[in-house]
C-alpha atoms as a PDB file:
ATOM      1  CA  UNK A   1      95.731  78.758  14.189  1.00  0.00           C
ATOM      2  CA  UNK A   2      93.862  77.337  16.808  1.00  0.00           C
ATOM      3  CA  UNK A   3      91.094  75.657  14.918  1.00  0.00           C
ATOM      4  CA  UNK A   4      90.650  78.729  12.792  1.00  0.00           C
ATOM      5  CA  UNK A   5      91.152  81.204  15.146  1.00  0.00           C
ATOM      6  CA  UNK A   6      94.691  83.334  15.251  1.00  0.00           C
ATOM      7  CA  UNK A   7      96.373  82.674  18.394  1.00  0.00           C
ATOM      8  CA  UNK A   8      96.878  86.806  18.631  1.00  0.00           C
ATOM      9  CA  UNK A   9      93.132  86.321  19.521  1.00  0.00           C
ATOM     10  CA  UNK A  10      93.553  84.087  22.449  1.00  0.00           C
ATOM     11  CA  UNK A  11      94.704  84.888  25.384  1.00  0.00           C
ATOM     12  CA  UNK A  12      95.288  82.628  28.682  1.00  0.00           C
ATOM     13  CA  UNK A  13      94.310  83.820  31.804  1.00  0.00           C
ATOM     14  CA  UNK A  14      95.048  82.426  35.058  1.00  0.00           C
ATOM     15  CA  UNK A  15      96.325  82.660  38.911  1.00  0.00           C
ATOM     16  CA  UNK A  16      99.311  79.953  38.442  1.00  0.00           C
ATOM     17  CA  UNK A  17     102.851  80.786  37.223  1.00  0.00           C
ATOM     18  CA  UNK A  18     103.438  77.134  36.868  1.00  0.00           C
ATOM     19  CA  UNK A  19     100.530  75.936  34.825  1.00  0.00           C
ATOM     20  CA  UNK A  20      98.398  78.786  33.814  1.00  0.00           C
ATOM     21  CA  UNK A  21     101.032  81.195  32.803  1.00  0.00           C
ATOM     22  CA  UNK A  22     103.652  78.563  31.507  1.00  0.00           C
ATOM     23  CA  UNK A  23     101.061  76.911  29.422  1.00  0.00           C
ATOM     24  CA  UNK A  24     100.273  80.120  27.772  1.00  0.00           C
ATOM     25  CA  UNK A  25     103.999  80.977  26.762  1.00  0.00           C
ATOM     26  CA  UNK A  26     104.360  77.341  25.733  1.00  0.00           C
ATOM     27  CA  UNK A  27     101.869  77.704  23.329  1.00  0.00           C
ATOM     28  CA  UNK A  28     102.482  81.013  22.124  1.00  0.00           C
ATOM     29  CA  UNK A  29      99.519  83.300  23.071  1.00  0.00           C
ATOM     30  CA  UNK A  30      99.347  86.610  25.476  1.00  0.00           C
ATOM     31  CA  UNK A  31      99.208  85.478  29.390  1.00  0.00           C
ATOM     32  CA  UNK A  32      97.461  87.419  31.921  1.00  0.00           C
ATOM     33  CA  UNK A  33      98.460  86.908  35.614  1.00  0.00           C
ATOM     34  CA  UNK A  34      96.031  86.918  38.170  1.00  0.00           C
ATOM     35  CA  UNK A  35      97.559  88.039  41.199  1.00  0.00           C
ATOM     36  CA  UNK A  36      95.495  88.511  44.353  1.00  0.00           C
ATOM     37  CA  UNK A  37      92.700  86.111  43.571  1.00  0.00           C
ATOM     38  CA  UNK A  38      95.255  83.563  43.202  1.00  0.00           C
ATOM     39  CA  UNK A  39      97.398  80.713  44.952  1.00  0.00           C
ATOM     40  CA  UNK A  40     100.869  83.488  44.798  1.00  0.00           C
ATOM     41  CA  UNK A  41      98.628  85.942  46.703  1.00  0.00           C
ATOM     42  CA  UNK A  42     100.379  84.947  50.337  1.00  0.00           C
ATOM     43  CA  UNK A  43     103.654  85.781  48.758  1.00  0.00           C
ATOM     44  CA  UNK A  44     102.422  88.949  47.294  1.00  0.00           C
ATOM     45  CA  UNK A  45     101.160  90.094  50.317  1.00  0.00           C
ATOM     46  CA  UNK A  46     104.825  90.280  51.894  1.00  0.00           C
ATOM     47  CA  UNK A  47     105.321  93.709  49.849  1.00  0.00           C
ATOM     48  CA  UNK A  48     104.560  97.163  49.791  1.00  0.00           C
ATOM     49  CA  UNK A  49     102.841  97.085  46.696  1.00  0.00           C
ATOM     50  CA  UNK A  50     101.702  94.421  43.843  1.00  0.00           C
ATOM     51  CA  UNK A  51     103.868  95.431  41.628  1.00  0.00           C
ATOM     52  CA  UNK A  52     107.183  95.082  43.701  1.00  0.00           C
ATOM     53  CA  UNK A  53     105.892  91.532  44.778  1.00  0.00           C
ATOM     54  CA  UNK A  54     104.734  90.418  41.404  1.00  0.00           C
ATOM     55  CA  UNK A  55     108.232  91.120  40.206  1.00  0.00           C
ATOM     56  CA  UNK A  56     109.796  89.139  43.149  1.00  0.00           C
ATOM     57  CA  UNK A  57     107.742  86.018  42.607  1.00  0.00           C
ATOM     58  CA  UNK A  58     108.352  86.051  38.986  1.00  0.00           C
ATOM     59  CA  UNK A  59     112.000  86.326  39.728  1.00  0.00           C
ATOM     60  CA  UNK A  60     111.712  83.699  42.374  1.00  0.00           C
ATOM     61  CA  UNK A  61     110.018  81.737  40.049  1.00  0.00           C
ATOM     62  CA  UNK A  62     112.159  82.050  37.152  1.00  0.00           C
ATOM     63  CA  UNK A  63     115.393  81.476  39.108  1.00  0.00           C
ATOM     64  CA  UNK A  64     113.793  77.651  39.851  1.00  0.00           C
ATOM     65  CA  UNK A  65     112.267  77.274  36.689  1.00  0.00           C
ATOM     66  CA  UNK A  66     114.494  74.378  35.833  1.00  0.00           C
ATOM     67  CA  UNK A  67     114.346  72.532  38.940  1.00  0.00           C
ATOM     68  CA  UNK A  68     111.498  70.315  38.608  1.00  0.00           C
ATOM     69  CA  UNK A  69     108.712  72.864  37.195  1.00  0.00           C
ATOM     70  CA  UNK A  70     106.399  72.395  34.236  1.00  0.00           C
ATOM     71  CA  UNK A  71     108.611  75.375  32.840  1.00  0.00           C
ATOM     72  CA  UNK A  72     111.449  73.102  32.410  1.00  0.00           C
ATOM     73  CA  UNK A  73     113.835  76.074  32.555  1.00  0.00           C
ATOM     74  CA  UNK A  74     111.590  78.674  30.335  1.00  0.00           C
ATOM     75  CA  UNK A  75     112.068  82.245  31.442  1.00  0.00           C
ATOM     76  CA  UNK A  76     108.547  83.436  31.929  1.00  0.00           C
ATOM     77  CA  UNK A  77     107.382  86.626  31.425  1.00  0.00           C
ATOM     78  CA  UNK A  78     103.331  87.255  31.393  1.00  0.00           C
ATOM     79  CA  UNK A  79     101.805  89.982  28.978  1.00  0.00           C
ATOM     80  CA  UNK A  80     100.219  91.667  32.051  1.00  0.00           C
ATOM     81  CA  UNK A  81      99.310  90.958  35.240  1.00  0.00           C
ATOM     82  CA  UNK A  82      95.708  91.951  36.813  1.00  0.00           C
ATOM     83  CA  UNK A  83      94.487  92.072  40.605  1.00  0.00           C
ATOM     84  CA  UNK A  84      91.523  90.391  40.393  1.00  0.00           C
ATOM     85  CA  UNK A  85      90.094  87.946  38.268  1.00  0.00           C
END
C-alpha cells in the first residue's frame, strides 16, 4: 500500500515512456500511456494507425532501454494506451 491506498487502486497516466510509464511500472502500478498529446506524437504520425505506431514506438524504446534510459533495461508494457488526455 501507499499511505493506506492499495496499489491496485492507483494508476500512472502520462505521455512519456521514459519517465511516466517507466516510473509506474517500476512502482508496480497500472500505467496509461497517452499517445497523441505527448512527446511521442510526431513518431506516431508516421504510421497508418495509432495501434501500429504505439507498437513500433514501444518496441524501439524497449530495444534501447538498457542504453542510458531511466528504464535501465526494463522492458515496458503499459497497461493500456489512450489517444488523448
